[in-house]
Every structure is written in C-alpha cells, then in structure tokens.
C-alpha cells in the first residue's frame, strides 16, 4: 500500500502492521451460589435467641424460615426453649454462629439434648374448651348490651345521668370527710398545746377526734 503524500511516516507503519491474532481464552468459572442464611436474631429478655417469656412464666420458642414464623412450643425454662430452638436451627442448616449453645456440633446431638415435645392430654383439651366457654360469655354479654343500647337510647341517657350524679355525690362526701379530718387534727393540736377547743361538749365532731 502506498503512502499518501503529506502523511507522517508512522502512519505507513500502522498500515503495514500484521493482523491481530485472536487467542482462545479459557471460560470464566461459574459464580458460586452461597447458601442464603437468615440474619442472626437479637437476644431478648430471656437471654437466648428465639425465646420469649410469657406472662404465665413459661417460655415459648419460635424460629423463622423465610417469611414463615414456626412455633416450637412452650417450655418451663428458658434453657429448654433455647435447646429446642437450636435443634430447629440445625434442621434448617443455620450457621453455628446463630446457635444458642456452642457445645453442640452435630444435628443428631442437638436433637438429643433438646427437650421432648409436650404432649397434649385430654385434661389440656378440657381446660381449653372451658376457657373458650368463659370467653364466649363476655362476648355474648357485650353483644346483648350493644343491642340494648341501640333499642333503648333513653335508658342509656338515664343510666349516664345516674352515674354522673353518684360520682358527684361521692366526690362531695370525700371532700367533706377531708375537711372534717383537717378540723379535728387542728383541734387536737390546740388541746395538746393547752388551748380550748371550739367544739361544745355535745358536738358530734368529737367523734372525729
């Protein structure tokens, strides 16, 4: 190829350079898919992950699997609930750093030290039915009262007026008792100091003193 007039010398070298050679590159390694793990749970007031203390002094254990919260039951102590949590965490293949106890190294060992599930007896079922009946009675009463208020608004107004009057009367009685008490204390101090009381001999306020 001829160099055009006026072109710099290095341009001619570019045109005469050998063609580029394509080298076969090895394929990139496939990306590794790491197993997704749940973030570590915060330890609550019980001191263990996944364990909460209930108002009846029992401890409940639960663990999350994705968006689902799995209840593991109720236990008498926080340690038992924590052992149940660790057994479930081993089944879900959670990392060892998310366990409550570091002395367990295998799934079988975690299941061995975990407490057995609590069996539901006939007495438990009877207590549950009794509790459900107790809860139904207040619900029925509330529905009956709501229907009564809807049908008899004048009775509702009379009831409110009665309770308002009773509240005002009790407040007045309480204020009168406080006043009589303060007067009796002042008369006691006067008598103890050698003075004379303003109460007459037949005054009923001597009973306050």
N, C-alpha and C. Protein backbone atom coordinates (compact mmCIF):
# COMPACT_ATOMS: atom_id res chain seq x y z
N UNK A 1 0.86 -1.18 0.00
CA UNK A 1 0.00 0.00 0.00
C UNK A 1 0.90 1.23 0.00
N UNK A 2 0.57 2.19 -0.86
CA UNK A 2 1.39 3.38 -0.99
C UNK A 2 0.94 4.41 0.01
N UNK A 3 1.97 5.14 0.51
CA UNK A 3 1.69 6.20 1.49
C UNK A 3 1.25 7.42 0.74
N UNK A 4 0.20 8.03 1.22
CA UNK A 4 -0.32 9.24 0.59
C UNK A 4 0.63 10.38 0.87
N UNK A 5 0.79 11.30 -0.10
CA UNK A 5 1.72 12.42 0.13
C UNK A 5 1.26 13.29 1.28
N UNK A 6 2.20 13.68 2.10
CA UNK A 6 1.88 14.55 3.24
C UNK A 6 1.57 13.81 4.51
N UNK A 7 1.45 12.47 4.46
CA UNK A 7 1.13 11.70 5.66
C UNK A 7 2.39 11.45 6.45
N UNK A 8 2.37 11.42 7.76
CA UNK A 8 3.56 11.17 8.57
C UNK A 8 4.06 9.76 8.38
N UNK A 9 5.37 9.53 8.63
CA UNK A 9 5.94 8.18 8.38
C UNK A 9 5.31 7.10 9.22
N UNK A 10 4.88 7.41 10.49
CA UNK A 10 4.39 6.33 11.35
C UNK A 10 3.04 5.81 10.88
N UNK A 11 2.30 6.59 10.07
CA UNK A 11 1.02 6.10 9.57
C UNK A 11 1.24 4.93 8.63
N UNK A 12 2.33 4.98 7.84
CA UNK A 12 2.60 3.89 6.91
C UNK A 12 2.91 2.59 7.66
N UNK A 13 3.56 2.74 8.83
CA UNK A 13 3.85 1.55 9.63
C UNK A 13 2.58 0.94 10.19
N UNK A 14 1.59 1.76 10.49
CA UNK A 14 0.33 1.22 11.00
C UNK A 14 -0.38 0.39 9.96
N UNK A 15 -0.32 0.85 8.70
CA UNK A 15 -1.00 0.10 7.66
C UNK A 15 -0.30 -1.22 7.38
N UNK A 16 1.03 -1.28 7.60
CA UNK A 16 1.78 -2.49 7.29
C UNK A 16 1.88 -3.45 8.47
N UNK A 17 1.28 -3.10 9.64
CA UNK A 17 1.38 -3.97 10.81
C UNK A 17 0.62 -5.25 10.56
N UNK A 18 1.10 -6.37 11.08
CA UNK A 18 0.42 -7.66 10.83
C UNK A 18 -0.96 -7.68 11.49
N UNK A 19 -1.84 -8.46 10.93
CA UNK A 19 -3.20 -8.53 11.52
C UNK A 19 -3.17 -9.09 12.93
N UNK A 20 -4.18 -8.68 13.71
CA UNK A 20 -4.26 -9.14 15.11
C UNK A 20 -4.63 -10.60 15.14
N UNK A 21 -4.04 -11.30 16.07
CA UNK A 21 -4.36 -12.70 16.27
C UNK A 21 -5.27 -12.86 17.49
N UNK A 22 -6.29 -13.65 17.30
CA UNK A 22 -7.25 -13.88 18.39
C UNK A 22 -6.83 -15.12 19.15
N UNK A 23 -6.71 -14.95 20.43
CA UNK A 23 -6.31 -16.06 21.30
C UNK A 23 -7.54 -16.65 21.97
N UNK A 24 -7.51 -17.90 22.14
CA UNK A 24 -8.63 -18.59 22.80
C UNK A 24 -8.45 -18.46 24.31
N UNK A 25 -9.37 -17.79 24.91
CA UNK A 25 -9.34 -17.63 26.37
C UNK A 25 -10.16 -18.73 27.01
N UNK A 26 -9.72 -19.15 28.19
CA UNK A 26 -10.48 -20.15 28.95
C UNK A 26 -11.73 -19.52 29.53
N UNK A 27 -12.82 -20.22 29.54
CA UNK A 27 -14.08 -19.64 30.07
C UNK A 27 -13.94 -19.30 31.55
N UNK A 28 -14.65 -18.24 31.93
CA UNK A 28 -14.63 -17.82 33.34
C UNK A 28 -15.33 -18.85 34.20
N UNK A 29 -14.84 -19.04 35.41
CA UNK A 29 -15.51 -20.02 36.29
C UNK A 29 -16.91 -19.54 36.65
N UNK A 30 -17.80 -20.50 36.79
CA UNK A 30 -19.19 -20.17 37.12
C UNK A 30 -19.25 -19.56 38.52
N UNK A 31 -20.08 -18.57 38.69
CA UNK A 31 -20.17 -17.96 40.03
C UNK A 31 -20.71 -18.95 41.05
N UNK A 32 -20.14 -18.87 42.21
CA UNK A 32 -20.57 -19.75 43.29
C UNK A 32 -21.83 -19.21 43.94
N UNK A 33 -22.77 -20.07 44.14
CA UNK A 33 -24.02 -19.70 44.79
C UNK A 33 -23.92 -20.05 46.27
N UNK A 34 -23.81 -19.04 47.07
CA UNK A 34 -23.71 -19.28 48.50
C UNK A 34 -25.09 -19.52 49.09
N UNK A 35 -25.15 -20.35 50.06
CA UNK A 35 -26.42 -20.66 50.72
C UNK A 35 -26.88 -19.45 51.51
N UNK A 36 -28.12 -19.06 51.25
CA UNK A 36 -28.68 -17.90 51.96
C UNK A 36 -28.94 -18.28 53.41
N UNK A 37 -28.51 -17.45 54.28
CA UNK A 37 -28.70 -17.67 55.70
C UNK A 37 -29.45 -16.50 56.29
N UNK A 38 -30.24 -16.80 57.31
CA UNK A 38 -31.00 -15.76 57.98
C UNK A 38 -30.07 -14.91 58.83
N UNK A 39 -30.33 -13.63 58.94
CA UNK A 39 -29.50 -12.81 59.83
C UNK A 39 -29.68 -13.24 61.26
N UNK A 40 -28.67 -13.07 62.08
CA UNK A 40 -28.78 -13.50 63.47
C UNK A 40 -29.86 -12.73 64.19
N UNK A 41 -30.63 -13.48 64.98
CA UNK A 41 -31.71 -12.86 65.75
C UNK A 41 -31.15 -12.18 66.98
N UNK A 42 -31.82 -11.16 67.40
CA UNK A 42 -31.39 -10.48 68.62
C UNK A 42 -31.85 -11.27 69.85
N UNK A 43 -31.02 -11.27 70.83
CA UNK A 43 -31.38 -11.95 72.07
C UNK A 43 -32.34 -11.07 72.86
N UNK A 44 -33.45 -11.68 73.29
CA UNK A 44 -34.43 -10.92 74.02
C UNK A 44 -34.13 -10.88 75.50
N UNK A 45 -35.19 -10.60 76.26
CA UNK A 45 -35.02 -10.52 77.71
C UNK A 45 -34.66 -11.85 78.33
N UNK A 46 -34.97 -12.96 77.63
CA UNK A 46 -34.64 -14.28 78.18
C UNK A 46 -33.15 -14.59 78.08
N UNK A 47 -32.43 -13.86 77.23
CA UNK A 47 -31.01 -14.12 77.05
C UNK A 47 -30.68 -15.13 75.97
N UNK A 48 -31.69 -15.64 75.25
CA UNK A 48 -31.49 -16.63 74.20
C UNK A 48 -32.18 -16.18 72.93
N UNK A 49 -31.65 -16.66 71.82
CA UNK A 49 -32.27 -16.37 70.53
C UNK A 49 -33.55 -17.18 70.36
N UNK A 50 -34.56 -16.52 69.83
CA UNK A 50 -35.81 -17.20 69.53
C UNK A 50 -36.62 -17.61 70.74
N UNK A 51 -36.35 -17.06 71.91
CA UNK A 51 -37.03 -17.44 73.15
C UNK A 51 -37.66 -16.19 73.76
N UNK A 52 -38.94 -16.29 74.11
CA UNK A 52 -39.65 -15.19 74.75
C UNK A 52 -40.34 -15.70 76.00
N UNK A 53 -40.36 -14.87 77.02
CA UNK A 53 -41.04 -15.22 78.27
C UNK A 53 -42.49 -14.79 78.20
N UNK A 54 -43.39 -15.69 78.57
CA UNK A 54 -44.82 -15.41 78.54
C UNK A 54 -45.30 -14.92 79.91
N UNK A 55 -46.48 -14.30 79.96
CA UNK A 55 -46.98 -13.81 81.26
C UNK A 55 -47.20 -14.91 82.29
N UNK A 56 -47.39 -16.16 81.85
CA UNK A 56 -47.59 -17.26 82.80
C UNK A 56 -46.28 -17.88 83.27
N UNK A 57 -45.15 -17.18 83.04
CA UNK A 57 -43.82 -17.62 83.47
C UNK A 57 -43.28 -18.79 82.67
N UNK A 58 -43.95 -19.20 81.60
CA UNK A 58 -43.40 -20.19 80.68
C UNK A 58 -42.61 -19.46 79.60
N UNK A 59 -41.87 -20.23 78.79
CA UNK A 59 -41.04 -19.67 77.72
C UNK A 59 -41.44 -20.32 76.40
N UNK A 60 -41.66 -19.50 75.40
CA UNK A 60 -42.02 -20.00 74.07
C UNK A 60 -40.83 -19.86 73.14
N UNK A 61 -40.66 -20.83 72.26
CA UNK A 61 -39.57 -20.83 71.28
C UNK A 61 -40.17 -20.76 69.89
N UNK A 62 -39.56 -19.96 69.05
CA UNK A 62 -40.00 -19.85 67.66
C UNK A 62 -38.79 -19.51 66.79
N UNK A 63 -38.89 -19.87 65.52
CA UNK A 63 -37.81 -19.64 64.57
C UNK A 63 -38.43 -19.28 63.23
N UNK A 64 -37.74 -18.45 62.48
CA UNK A 64 -38.23 -18.03 61.16
C UNK A 64 -37.60 -18.88 60.06
N UNK A 65 -38.41 -19.22 59.08
CA UNK A 65 -37.95 -19.90 57.88
C UNK A 65 -38.48 -19.11 56.69
N UNK A 66 -37.65 -18.21 56.19
CA UNK A 66 -38.12 -17.30 55.15
C UNK A 66 -39.06 -16.27 55.76
N UNK A 67 -40.27 -16.20 55.22
CA UNK A 67 -41.28 -15.29 55.75
C UNK A 67 -42.24 -15.98 56.71
N UNK A 68 -41.97 -17.23 57.04
CA UNK A 68 -42.85 -18.01 57.90
C UNK A 68 -42.23 -18.09 59.29
N UNK A 69 -43.05 -17.85 60.31
CA UNK A 69 -42.61 -17.98 61.70
C UNK A 69 -43.11 -19.32 62.23
N UNK A 70 -42.20 -20.16 62.63
CA UNK A 70 -42.52 -21.50 63.12
C UNK A 70 -42.51 -21.50 64.63
N UNK A 71 -43.62 -21.90 65.23
CA UNK A 71 -43.71 -22.00 66.69
C UNK A 71 -43.21 -23.38 67.11
N UNK A 72 -42.32 -23.40 68.08
CA UNK A 72 -41.71 -24.64 68.55
C UNK A 72 -42.30 -25.12 69.86
N UNK A 73 -43.28 -24.40 70.41
CA UNK A 73 -43.93 -24.84 71.64
C UNK A 73 -43.53 -24.01 72.84
N UNK A 74 -44.10 -24.37 73.99
CA UNK A 74 -43.84 -23.69 75.26
C UNK A 74 -43.08 -24.62 76.19
N UNK A 75 -42.20 -24.03 77.00
CA UNK A 75 -41.33 -24.81 77.88
C UNK A 75 -41.28 -24.13 79.24
N UNK A 76 -40.95 -24.90 80.25
CA UNK A 76 -40.93 -24.38 81.61
C UNK A 76 -39.72 -23.49 81.87
N UNK A 77 -38.60 -23.75 81.22
CA UNK A 77 -37.40 -22.96 81.44
C UNK A 77 -36.91 -22.38 80.11
N UNK A 78 -36.13 -21.30 80.23
CA UNK A 78 -35.59 -20.68 79.03
C UNK A 78 -34.54 -21.57 78.37
N UNK A 79 -33.82 -22.36 79.15
CA UNK A 79 -32.80 -23.25 78.58
C UNK A 79 -33.44 -24.32 77.70
N UNK A 80 -34.57 -24.88 78.14
CA UNK A 80 -35.24 -25.89 77.33
C UNK A 80 -35.73 -25.28 76.01
N UNK A 81 -36.28 -24.08 76.07
CA UNK A 81 -36.74 -23.42 74.85
C UNK A 81 -35.57 -23.12 73.92
N UNK A 82 -34.42 -22.73 74.49
CA UNK A 82 -33.24 -22.46 73.67
C UNK A 82 -32.72 -23.73 73.02
N UNK A 83 -32.77 -24.87 73.73
CA UNK A 83 -32.33 -26.13 73.14
C UNK A 83 -33.26 -26.52 71.98
N UNK A 84 -34.56 -26.28 72.13
CA UNK A 84 -35.49 -26.58 71.04
C UNK A 84 -35.22 -25.68 69.84
N UNK A 85 -34.87 -24.42 70.10
CA UNK A 85 -34.53 -23.51 69.01
C UNK A 85 -33.29 -24.00 68.26
N UNK A 86 -32.27 -24.44 68.99
CA UNK A 86 -31.04 -24.91 68.34
C UNK A 86 -31.30 -26.15 67.50
N UNK A 87 -32.17 -27.05 68.00
CA UNK A 87 -32.48 -28.25 67.21
C UNK A 87 -33.15 -27.88 65.89
N UNK A 88 -34.07 -26.91 65.94
CA UNK A 88 -34.71 -26.46 64.70
C UNK A 88 -33.73 -25.72 63.80
N UNK A 89 -32.81 -24.97 64.40
CA UNK A 89 -31.81 -24.26 63.59
C UNK A 89 -30.88 -25.25 62.87
N UNK A 90 -30.54 -26.36 63.52
CA UNK A 90 -29.72 -27.37 62.86
C UNK A 90 -30.48 -28.00 61.69
N UNK A 91 -31.77 -28.23 61.86
CA UNK A 91 -32.56 -28.80 60.76
C UNK A 91 -32.65 -27.84 59.58
N UNK A 92 -32.69 -26.54 59.87
CA UNK A 92 -32.74 -25.55 58.80
C UNK A 92 -31.36 -25.18 58.27
N UNK A 93 -30.33 -25.87 58.77
CA UNK A 93 -28.94 -25.67 58.31
C UNK A 93 -28.48 -24.23 58.53
N UNK A 94 -28.77 -23.71 59.69
CA UNK A 94 -28.28 -22.38 60.03
C UNK A 94 -26.80 -22.47 60.45
N UNK A 95 -26.06 -21.40 60.31
CA UNK A 95 -24.65 -21.42 60.73
C UNK A 95 -24.52 -21.57 62.24
N UNK A 96 -23.38 -22.09 62.64
CA UNK A 96 -23.15 -22.35 64.07
C UNK A 96 -23.15 -21.06 64.88
N UNK A 97 -22.85 -19.94 64.26
CA UNK A 97 -22.83 -18.67 64.99
C UNK A 97 -24.21 -18.21 65.42
N UNK A 98 -25.27 -18.79 64.85
CA UNK A 98 -26.62 -18.41 65.21
C UNK A 98 -27.26 -19.36 66.21
N UNK A 99 -26.46 -20.20 66.82
CA UNK A 99 -26.97 -21.12 67.84
C UNK A 99 -26.87 -20.49 69.21
N UNK A 100 -27.67 -20.98 70.11
CA UNK A 100 -27.61 -20.50 71.50
C UNK A 100 -26.49 -21.17 72.28
N UNK A 101 -26.24 -22.45 72.01
CA UNK A 101 -25.23 -23.20 72.75
C UNK A 101 -24.13 -23.64 71.77
N UNK A 102 -22.88 -23.42 72.16
CA UNK A 102 -21.75 -23.78 71.31
C UNK A 102 -21.20 -25.16 71.62
N UNK A 103 -21.82 -25.88 72.57
CA UNK A 103 -21.33 -27.21 72.91
C UNK A 103 -21.96 -28.31 72.06
N UNK A 104 -22.78 -27.93 71.08
CA UNK A 104 -23.41 -28.89 70.18
C UNK A 104 -22.78 -28.73 68.81
N UNK A 105 -22.35 -29.85 68.19
CA UNK A 105 -21.59 -29.79 66.95
C UNK A 105 -22.25 -30.56 65.82
N UNK A 106 -23.30 -31.32 66.09
CA UNK A 106 -23.98 -32.08 65.05
C UNK A 106 -25.49 -31.93 65.23
N UNK A 107 -26.18 -32.24 64.14
CA UNK A 107 -27.65 -32.18 64.19
C UNK A 107 -28.22 -33.24 65.13
N UNK A 108 -27.65 -34.43 65.09
CA UNK A 108 -28.13 -35.50 65.97
C UNK A 108 -27.93 -35.15 67.43
N UNK A 109 -26.80 -34.53 67.75
CA UNK A 109 -26.55 -34.13 69.13
C UNK A 109 -27.53 -33.05 69.57
N UNK A 110 -27.88 -32.13 68.69
CA UNK A 110 -28.84 -31.09 69.03
C UNK A 110 -30.22 -31.68 69.30
N UNK A 111 -30.61 -32.69 68.50
CA UNK A 111 -31.90 -33.33 68.74
C UNK A 111 -31.90 -34.16 70.00
N UNK A 112 -30.74 -34.68 70.38
CA UNK A 112 -30.66 -35.50 71.59
C UNK A 112 -30.84 -34.66 72.85
N UNK A 113 -30.18 -33.49 72.90
CA UNK A 113 -30.24 -32.66 74.10
C UNK A 113 -31.49 -31.79 74.14
N UNK A 114 -32.23 -31.70 73.02
CA UNK A 114 -33.45 -30.88 73.02
C UNK A 114 -34.53 -31.58 73.83
N UNK A 115 -35.38 -30.83 74.54
CA UNK A 115 -36.44 -31.46 75.33
C UNK A 115 -37.49 -32.07 74.41
N UNK A 116 -38.15 -33.13 74.85
CA UNK A 116 -39.19 -33.73 74.01
C UNK A 116 -40.39 -32.80 73.92
N UNK A 117 -41.15 -32.87 72.83
CA UNK A 117 -42.35 -32.01 72.72
C UNK A 117 -43.38 -32.34 73.78
N UNK A 118 -44.06 -31.32 74.22
CA UNK A 118 -45.07 -31.50 75.26
C UNK A 118 -46.32 -32.15 74.67
N UNK A 119 -46.78 -33.23 75.30
CA UNK A 119 -47.94 -33.95 74.82
C UNK A 119 -49.22 -33.26 75.29
N UNK A 120 -50.19 -33.17 74.41
CA UNK A 120 -51.49 -32.57 74.74
C UNK A 120 -52.40 -33.68 75.24
N UNK A 121 -52.76 -33.59 76.49
CA UNK A 121 -53.59 -34.62 77.11
C UNK A 121 -55.07 -34.24 77.02
N UNK A 122 -55.92 -35.20 77.47
CA UNK A 122 -57.36 -34.92 77.50
C UNK A 122 -57.69 -33.80 78.47
N UNK A 123 -56.92 -33.70 79.56
CA UNK A 123 -57.14 -32.63 80.51
C UNK A 123 -56.83 -31.27 79.88
N UNK A 124 -55.78 -31.21 79.06
CA UNK A 124 -55.47 -29.97 78.36
C UNK A 124 -56.60 -29.57 77.42
N UNK A 125 -57.15 -30.53 76.71
CA UNK A 125 -58.27 -30.22 75.82
C UNK A 125 -59.49 -29.74 76.59
N UNK A 126 -59.76 -30.38 77.74
CA UNK A 126 -60.91 -29.96 78.55
C UNK A 126 -60.71 -28.55 79.09
N UNK A 127 -59.50 -28.24 79.54
CA UNK A 127 -59.22 -26.88 80.02
C UNK A 127 -59.37 -25.86 78.90
N UNK A 128 -58.95 -26.24 77.69
CA UNK A 128 -59.07 -25.32 76.56
C UNK A 128 -60.55 -25.06 76.25
N UNK A 129 -61.37 -26.11 76.26
CA UNK A 129 -62.80 -25.93 76.00
C UNK A 129 -63.44 -25.07 77.08
N UNK A 130 -63.06 -25.29 78.34
CA UNK A 130 -63.60 -24.49 79.43
C UNK A 130 -63.21 -23.02 79.29
N UNK A 131 -61.98 -22.78 78.90
CA UNK A 131 -61.55 -21.41 78.70
C UNK A 131 -62.30 -20.75 77.54
N UNK A 132 -62.53 -21.50 76.47
CA UNK A 132 -63.28 -20.95 75.34
C UNK A 132 -64.70 -20.60 75.75
N UNK A 133 -65.32 -21.41 76.58
CA UNK A 133 -66.68 -21.09 77.04
C UNK A 133 -66.69 -19.85 77.92
N UNK A 134 -65.65 -19.70 78.75
CA UNK A 134 -65.57 -18.50 79.57
C UNK A 134 -65.45 -17.24 78.71
N UNK A 135 -64.69 -17.35 77.64
CA UNK A 135 -64.53 -16.19 76.77
C UNK A 135 -65.80 -15.88 75.99
N UNK A 136 -66.61 -16.90 75.72
CA UNK A 136 -67.83 -16.66 74.97
C UNK A 136 -68.88 -15.91 75.79
N UNK A 137 -68.87 -16.10 77.12
CA UNK A 137 -69.88 -15.44 77.96
C UNK A 137 -69.73 -13.92 77.91
N UNK A 138 -68.54 -13.35 78.11
CA UNK A 138 -68.43 -11.89 77.98
C UNK A 138 -68.76 -11.38 76.58
N UNK A 139 -68.44 -12.16 75.55
CA UNK A 139 -68.77 -11.72 74.20
C UNK A 139 -70.28 -11.66 74.00
N UNK A 140 -71.00 -12.66 74.51
CA UNK A 140 -72.46 -12.64 74.40
C UNK A 140 -73.04 -11.47 75.19
N UNK A 141 -72.50 -11.21 76.38
CA UNK A 141 -72.99 -10.09 77.18
C UNK A 141 -72.75 -8.76 76.46
N UNK A 142 -71.61 -8.62 75.84
CA UNK A 142 -71.31 -7.38 75.14
C UNK A 142 -72.25 -7.17 73.95
N UNK A 143 -72.54 -8.25 73.23
CA UNK A 143 -73.48 -8.12 72.11
C UNK A 143 -74.88 -7.78 72.60
N UNK A 144 -75.30 -8.38 73.73
CA UNK A 144 -76.62 -8.06 74.28
C UNK A 144 -76.70 -6.61 74.74
N UNK A 145 -75.63 -6.12 75.37
CA UNK A 145 -75.63 -4.72 75.82
C UNK A 145 -75.64 -3.76 74.63
N UNK A 146 -74.92 -4.10 73.57
CA UNK A 146 -74.93 -3.24 72.39
C UNK A 146 -76.32 -3.18 71.77
N UNK A 147 -76.99 -4.32 71.72
CA UNK A 147 -78.36 -4.32 71.19
C UNK A 147 -79.31 -3.55 72.09
N UNK A 148 -79.13 -3.66 73.42
CA UNK A 148 -79.98 -2.90 74.34
C UNK A 148 -79.75 -1.39 74.20
N UNK A 149 -78.52 -0.96 74.04
CA UNK A 149 -78.25 0.46 73.84
C UNK A 149 -78.87 0.98 72.55
N UNK A 150 -78.88 0.13 71.52
CA UNK A 150 -79.45 0.57 70.25
C UNK A 150 -80.97 0.71 70.32
N UNK A 151 -81.61 -0.19 71.06
CA UNK A 151 -83.07 -0.17 71.12
C UNK A 151 -83.62 0.80 72.16
N UNK A 152 -82.87 1.09 73.21
CA UNK A 152 -83.38 1.93 74.30
C UNK A 152 -82.38 3.05 74.59
N UNK A 153 -82.31 4.05 73.74
CA UNK A 153 -81.37 5.16 73.99
C UNK A 153 -81.75 5.99 75.22
N UNK A 154 -83.06 6.05 75.54
CA UNK A 154 -83.46 6.84 76.72
C UNK A 154 -82.95 6.19 78.00
N UNK A 155 -82.93 4.85 78.04
CA UNK A 155 -82.39 4.18 79.23
C UNK A 155 -80.89 4.44 79.36
N UNK A 156 -80.21 4.52 78.24
CA UNK A 156 -78.77 4.81 78.27
C UNK A 156 -78.53 6.20 78.84
N UNK A 157 -79.36 7.18 78.43
CA UNK A 157 -79.21 8.54 78.95
C UNK A 157 -79.49 8.59 80.44
N UNK A 158 -80.53 7.87 80.89
CA UNK A 158 -80.85 7.85 82.32
C UNK A 158 -79.72 7.19 83.13
N UNK A 159 -79.16 6.14 82.58
CA UNK A 159 -78.07 5.47 83.30
C UNK A 159 -76.85 6.38 83.42
N UNK A 160 -76.54 7.10 82.37
CA UNK A 160 -75.40 8.01 82.43
C UNK A 160 -75.65 9.13 83.42
N UNK A 161 -76.88 9.64 83.47
CA UNK A 161 -77.20 10.70 84.43
C UNK A 161 -77.09 10.17 85.86
N UNK A 162 -77.53 8.93 86.10
CA UNK A 162 -77.43 8.35 87.43
C UNK A 162 -75.98 8.23 87.88
N UNK A 163 -75.12 7.71 87.00
CA UNK A 163 -73.72 7.54 87.38
C UNK A 163 -73.02 8.88 87.55
N UNK A 164 -73.41 9.88 86.77
CA UNK A 164 -72.80 11.20 86.94
C UNK A 164 -73.20 11.80 88.30
N UNK A 165 -74.47 11.66 88.67
CA UNK A 165 -74.91 12.17 89.98
C UNK A 165 -74.24 11.42 91.12
N UNK A 166 -74.11 10.11 90.98
CA UNK A 166 -73.46 9.34 92.05
C UNK A 166 -71.99 9.73 92.19
N UNK A 167 -71.32 9.94 91.08
CA UNK A 167 -69.92 10.34 91.14
C UNK A 167 -69.76 11.70 91.81
N UNK A 168 -70.65 12.65 91.48
CA UNK A 168 -70.57 13.98 92.09
C UNK A 168 -70.86 13.91 93.59
N UNK A 169 -71.83 13.08 93.99
CA UNK A 169 -72.15 12.94 95.41
C UNK A 169 -70.99 12.32 96.18
N UNK A 170 -70.34 11.33 95.62
CA UNK A 170 -69.22 10.71 96.32
C UNK A 170 -68.03 11.67 96.42
N UNK A 171 -67.84 12.48 95.41
CA UNK A 171 -66.76 13.46 95.50
C UNK A 171 -67.04 14.49 96.59
N UNK A 172 -68.31 14.91 96.71
CA UNK A 172 -68.66 15.87 97.76
C UNK A 172 -68.49 15.24 99.15
N UNK A 173 -68.88 13.97 99.29
CA UNK A 173 -68.71 13.30 100.57
C UNK A 173 -67.23 13.15 100.92
N UNK A 174 -66.43 12.84 99.93
CA UNK A 174 -64.99 12.70 100.19
C UNK A 174 -64.38 14.03 100.60
N UNK A 175 -64.79 15.11 99.95
CA UNK A 175 -64.27 16.43 100.31
C UNK A 175 -64.71 16.83 101.71
N UNK A 176 -65.95 16.48 102.11
CA UNK A 176 -66.43 16.80 103.46
C UNK A 176 -65.65 16.01 104.51
N UNK A 177 -65.34 14.73 104.23
CA UNK A 177 -64.56 13.94 105.18
C UNK A 177 -63.16 14.51 105.34
N UNK A 178 -62.57 14.96 104.24
CA UNK A 178 -61.24 15.55 104.34
C UNK A 178 -61.27 16.84 105.16
N UNK A 179 -62.33 17.64 104.98
CA UNK A 179 -62.44 18.88 105.75
C UNK A 179 -62.62 18.60 107.24
N UNK A 180 -63.49 17.62 107.58
CA UNK A 180 -63.71 17.29 108.99
C UNK A 180 -62.44 16.72 109.62
N UNK A 181 -61.69 15.94 108.85
CA UNK A 181 -60.46 15.38 109.37
C UNK A 181 -59.44 16.48 109.66
N UNK A 182 -59.30 17.43 108.73
CA UNK A 182 -58.35 18.52 108.94
C UNK A 182 -58.75 19.36 110.15
N UNK A 183 -60.06 19.61 110.34
CA UNK A 183 -60.53 20.39 111.50
C UNK A 183 -60.27 19.64 112.81
N UNK A 184 -60.51 18.33 112.80
CA UNK A 184 -60.27 17.54 114.01
C UNK A 184 -58.79 17.53 114.37
N UNK A 185 -57.92 17.43 113.39
CA UNK A 185 -56.48 17.43 113.67
C UNK A 185 -56.05 18.77 114.26
N UNK A 186 -56.61 19.87 113.71
CA UNK A 186 -56.25 21.19 114.24
C UNK A 186 -56.72 21.37 115.67
N UNK A 187 -57.90 20.84 116.02
CA UNK A 187 -58.40 20.93 117.38
C UNK A 187 -57.59 20.07 118.34
N UNK A 188 -57.13 18.92 117.85
CA UNK A 188 -56.25 18.08 118.69
C UNK A 188 -54.96 18.82 119.01
N UNK A 189 -54.39 19.48 118.03
CA UNK A 189 -53.17 20.23 118.26
C UNK A 189 -53.41 21.38 119.24
N UNK A 190 -54.58 22.00 119.15
CA UNK A 190 -54.90 23.10 120.08
C UNK A 190 -55.02 22.61 121.51
N UNK A 191 -55.70 21.47 121.69
CA UNK A 191 -55.88 20.92 123.05
C UNK A 191 -54.55 20.46 123.62
N UNK A 192 -53.71 19.81 122.78
CA UNK A 192 -52.42 19.34 123.26
C UNK A 192 -51.51 20.52 123.63
N UNK A 193 -51.72 21.67 122.99
CA UNK A 193 -50.91 22.85 123.31
C UNK A 193 -51.45 23.62 124.52
N UNK A 194 -52.55 23.10 125.14
CA UNK A 194 -53.11 23.76 126.32
C UNK A 194 -54.22 24.73 126.00
N UNK A 195 -54.68 24.75 124.78
CA UNK A 195 -55.76 25.66 124.40
C UNK A 195 -57.12 25.04 124.62
N UNK A 196 -58.13 25.71 124.14
CA UNK A 196 -59.51 25.28 124.32
C UNK A 196 -60.13 25.02 122.95
N UNK A 197 -60.87 23.93 122.84
CA UNK A 197 -61.47 23.55 121.57
C UNK A 197 -62.72 24.37 121.31
N UNK A 198 -63.04 24.54 120.06
CA UNK A 198 -64.26 25.25 119.67
C UNK A 198 -65.46 24.33 119.70
N UNK A 199 -65.23 23.04 119.90
CA UNK A 199 -66.33 22.10 119.95
C UNK A 199 -67.01 22.17 121.31
N UNK A 200 -68.31 22.12 121.34
CA UNK A 200 -69.06 22.02 122.60
C UNK A 200 -69.05 20.58 123.09
N UNK A 201 -69.54 20.37 124.29
CA UNK A 201 -69.48 19.03 124.89
C UNK A 201 -70.36 18.04 124.16
N UNK A 202 -71.45 18.51 123.58
CA UNK A 202 -72.36 17.60 122.87
C UNK A 202 -72.13 17.63 121.35
N UNK A 203 -71.01 18.16 120.91
CA UNK A 203 -70.74 18.24 119.49
C UNK A 203 -70.30 16.87 118.97
N UNK A 204 -70.93 16.44 117.86
CA UNK A 204 -70.61 15.15 117.30
C UNK A 204 -69.24 15.11 116.65
N UNK A 205 -68.65 16.27 116.47
CA UNK A 205 -67.32 16.30 115.86
C UNK A 205 -66.23 15.80 116.80
N UNK A 206 -66.58 15.60 118.10
CA UNK A 206 -65.62 14.95 118.99
C UNK A 206 -65.31 13.53 118.54
N UNK A 207 -66.29 12.91 117.85
CA UNK A 207 -66.05 11.56 117.35
C UNK A 207 -64.95 11.55 116.29
N UNK A 208 -64.85 12.64 115.54
CA UNK A 208 -63.77 12.72 114.56
C UNK A 208 -62.41 12.76 115.24
N UNK A 209 -62.33 13.43 116.36
CA UNK A 209 -61.06 13.50 117.09
C UNK A 209 -60.71 12.14 117.65
